[in-house]
Protein backbone atom coordinates (compact mmCIF):
# COMPACT_ATOMS: atom_id res chain seq x y z
CA MET A 1 -99.63 227.12 233.58
CA ILE A 2 -97.94 227.32 230.28
CA CYS A 3 -100.50 226.89 227.53
CA SER A 4 -104.58 227.35 227.55
CA THR A 5 -105.77 226.90 224.31
CA ALA A 6 -104.60 223.74 222.10
CA ILE A 7 -102.96 225.91 219.46
CA GLU A 8 -100.54 227.01 222.71
CA CYS A 9 -100.09 223.50 223.49
CA LEU A 10 -98.74 222.46 220.12
CA LEU A 11 -96.91 225.05 219.76
CA ASN A 12 -94.50 224.79 223.76
CA PHE A 13 -95.07 221.19 222.46
CA TRP A 14 -92.99 221.98 219.29
CA HIS A 15 -90.67 224.95 221.31
CA ILE A 16 -89.70 222.85 224.56
CA GLY A 17 -89.71 219.91 222.88
CA LEU A 18 -86.68 220.59 220.36
CA ARG A 19 -85.02 222.87 223.39
CA MET A 20 -84.53 219.70 225.28
CA GLY A 21 -81.68 217.02 224.50
CA GLY A 22 -78.89 219.27 223.39
CA GLY A 23 -80.68 220.92 220.26
CA ILE A 24 -80.76 224.18 219.30
CA GLY A 25 -83.04 225.42 221.38
CA ASP A 26 -80.83 224.91 224.59
CA ALA A 27 -78.36 227.33 223.32
CA LEU A 28 -80.80 230.14 222.08
CA ASP A 29 -82.75 232.10 225.03
CA ARG A 30 -86.64 231.47 225.50
CA GLN A 31 -89.15 232.93 224.40
CA SER A 32 -92.77 233.58 225.67
CA PHE A 33 -95.80 233.38 223.98
CA LYS A 34 -97.63 234.98 226.55
CA PHE A 35 -95.52 237.38 227.60
CA GLY A 36 -93.17 238.44 224.64
CA SER A 37 -93.49 239.17 221.21
CA LYS A 38 -96.03 236.56 219.09
CA GLY A 39 -94.12 237.11 215.70
CA LEU A 40 -91.03 236.60 217.58
CA TYR A 41 -92.52 233.55 219.13
CA TYR A 42 -93.41 231.88 216.00
CA GLU A 43 -90.03 232.80 214.22
CA LYS A 44 -87.72 231.32 216.69
CA ILE A 45 -90.37 228.21 216.20
CA ILE A 46 -90.44 227.87 212.42
CA PHE A 47 -86.41 228.24 212.76
CA GLU A 48 -85.59 225.76 215.43
CA ILE A 49 -88.30 223.29 213.61
CA LEU A 50 -86.36 223.67 210.43
CA TYR A 51 -83.09 223.86 212.06
CA TYR A 52 -84.56 220.32 213.24
CA ILE A 53 -85.14 218.83 209.82
CA ILE A 54 -82.61 219.88 208.10
CA ILE A 55 -79.93 219.05 210.36
CA ASN A 56 -81.41 216.32 212.83
CA LEU A 57 -83.49 214.60 210.10
CA ILE A 58 -81.93 214.97 206.44
CA LEU A 59 -77.59 215.54 207.24
CA ILE A 60 -77.75 213.07 210.25
CA ASN A 61 -79.38 210.37 208.21
CA ILE A 62 -77.27 211.03 204.98
CA PHE A 63 -74.17 210.51 207.48
CA PHE A 64 -75.23 207.39 208.94
CA GLY A 65 -76.51 206.11 205.37
CA VAL A 66 -72.72 206.66 204.01
CA ILE A 67 -71.57 204.83 207.10
CA VAL A 68 -73.68 201.83 206.51
CA ASP A 69 -73.20 201.60 202.81
CA SER A 70 -69.58 201.14 203.55
CA PHE A 71 -69.95 198.89 205.77
CA ASN A 72 -72.16 196.66 203.53
CA ASP A 73 -69.30 197.41 200.74
CA MET A 74 -66.53 195.82 202.87
CA ARG A 75 -68.82 192.85 204.13
CA ASP A 76 -69.18 192.28 200.55
CA LYS A 77 -65.87 192.41 199.70
CA THR A 78 -65.02 189.66 202.61
CA THR A 79 -67.86 187.34 201.42
CA LYS A 80 -66.60 187.90 197.74
CA SER A 81 -62.61 186.92 198.87
CA THR A 82 -64.18 183.77 201.44
CA GLU A 83 -65.68 182.72 198.69
CA ASP A 84 -63.53 182.84 195.65
CA ARG A 85 -60.70 181.15 198.29
CA GLU A 86 -63.27 178.20 199.11
CA ASN A 87 -64.61 177.84 195.42
CA ARG A 88 -61.99 178.85 193.35
CA CYS A 89 -58.19 177.35 192.61
CA PHE A 90 -55.61 179.81 193.05
CA ILE A 91 -53.08 177.99 190.47
CA CYS A 92 -55.61 177.80 187.82
CA ASN A 93 -58.90 179.98 188.55
CA LEU A 94 -60.97 176.93 188.12
CA ASP A 95 -64.36 177.01 190.02
CA ARG A 96 -65.77 174.41 192.28
CA PHE A 97 -69.25 174.48 190.12
CA ASN A 98 -67.70 174.35 186.73
CA SER A 99 -64.76 171.56 187.60
CA LYS A 100 -65.08 168.66 185.46
CA LYS A 101 -62.01 167.10 186.33
CA GLY A 102 -63.68 165.34 189.61
CA ASP A 103 -63.15 165.94 192.83
CA PHE A 104 -62.04 169.79 193.77
CA GLU A 105 -60.30 169.68 196.86
CA ASP A 106 -58.77 166.60 195.22
CA HIS A 107 -57.86 168.76 192.87
CA ARG A 108 -56.51 171.73 195.06
CA LYS A 109 -54.80 169.28 197.79
CA ASN A 110 -52.74 167.04 194.84
CA GLU A 111 -52.82 169.06 191.29
CA HIS A 112 -52.19 172.16 192.26
CA TYR A 113 -51.47 172.45 196.09
CA LEU A 114 -50.77 175.84 197.05
CA PHE A 115 -47.50 174.98 199.22
CA ASP A 116 -46.07 173.40 195.91
CA TYR A 117 -45.36 176.69 194.31
CA VAL A 118 -43.87 178.00 197.77
CA TYR A 119 -41.83 175.01 198.07
CA VAL A 120 -40.81 175.93 193.92
CA TYR A 121 -39.81 179.75 195.20
CA LEU A 122 -38.04 178.77 197.47
CA PHE A 123 -35.75 176.13 195.92
CA LEU A 124 -35.68 178.46 193.03
CA SER A 125 -34.35 181.59 195.41
CA ASN A 126 -31.80 179.18 197.29
CA LYS A 127 -30.09 177.45 193.78
CA ASN A 128 -27.24 179.51 192.14
CA PRO A 129 -28.94 181.12 189.12
CA GLN A 130 -26.07 179.72 187.05
CA GLU A 131 -27.24 176.01 188.05
CA PHE A 132 -30.81 176.49 186.46
CA SER A 133 -32.03 174.72 184.02
CA ALA A 134 -33.93 176.09 181.01
CA VAL A 135 -37.42 175.74 182.65
CA GLU A 136 -35.84 176.76 185.93
CA THR A 137 -34.34 179.43 184.27
CA TYR A 138 -37.62 180.75 182.39
CA VAL A 139 -39.90 180.02 185.73
CA TRP A 140 -37.49 182.49 187.90
CA SER A 141 -37.56 185.00 185.20
CA GLN A 142 -41.01 185.10 185.45
CA ILE A 143 -41.34 185.53 189.26
CA ASN A 144 -39.11 188.48 189.39
CA GLN A 145 -41.31 189.87 186.63
CA HIS A 146 -44.02 189.50 189.17
CA ARG A 147 -45.70 187.44 186.40
CA THR A 148 -48.08 183.91 187.03
CA ASP A 149 -47.61 182.92 182.95
CA TRP A 150 -46.41 179.87 183.90
CA TYR A 151 -48.62 179.02 186.16
CA PRO A 152 -51.34 176.16 184.53
CA GLU A 153 -54.15 177.35 183.52
CA ALA A 154 -57.85 175.97 183.81
CA GLU A 155 -58.82 173.97 180.87
CA ASP A 156 -63.05 173.84 179.74
CA GLU A 157 -62.69 170.30 178.85
CA PRO A 158 -60.95 167.66 180.40
CA ILE A 159 -58.41 165.97 178.45
CA GLU A 160 -59.69 162.15 177.67
CA ILE A 161 -57.04 159.83 177.19
């Protein structure tokens, strides 16, 4: 029999429970409540409980909290990127919900179709620079400087004719 009183059972429960499953108690020598020094037994139980609380409960939860927080940040960035891609015009940064020009999808497909700008880049990169017009020279210099000044900007109010 491992214990004869309630306090012995509680101490053995903490002692053996912390030793099970790869805890620090598995690496240390076993102390007996009945046949060894009770002071050493109490010290060992206190040490194992503090070790369990500090390492297993606090530090591991801090570590997992950092991991979960990192995944939340990555998910938020992905969500924001997806929302921007779906709800903003890439060229003029016009917001879908603040668009006063009519249909937003029509704006993105007709007025600021992304591949038209790719076509401008390909057209200018395959053309002899000495044959550029003034506008083409300006656009090509802006592209080479990695600037977007040549992109049209969103207007706050639609132009009424």
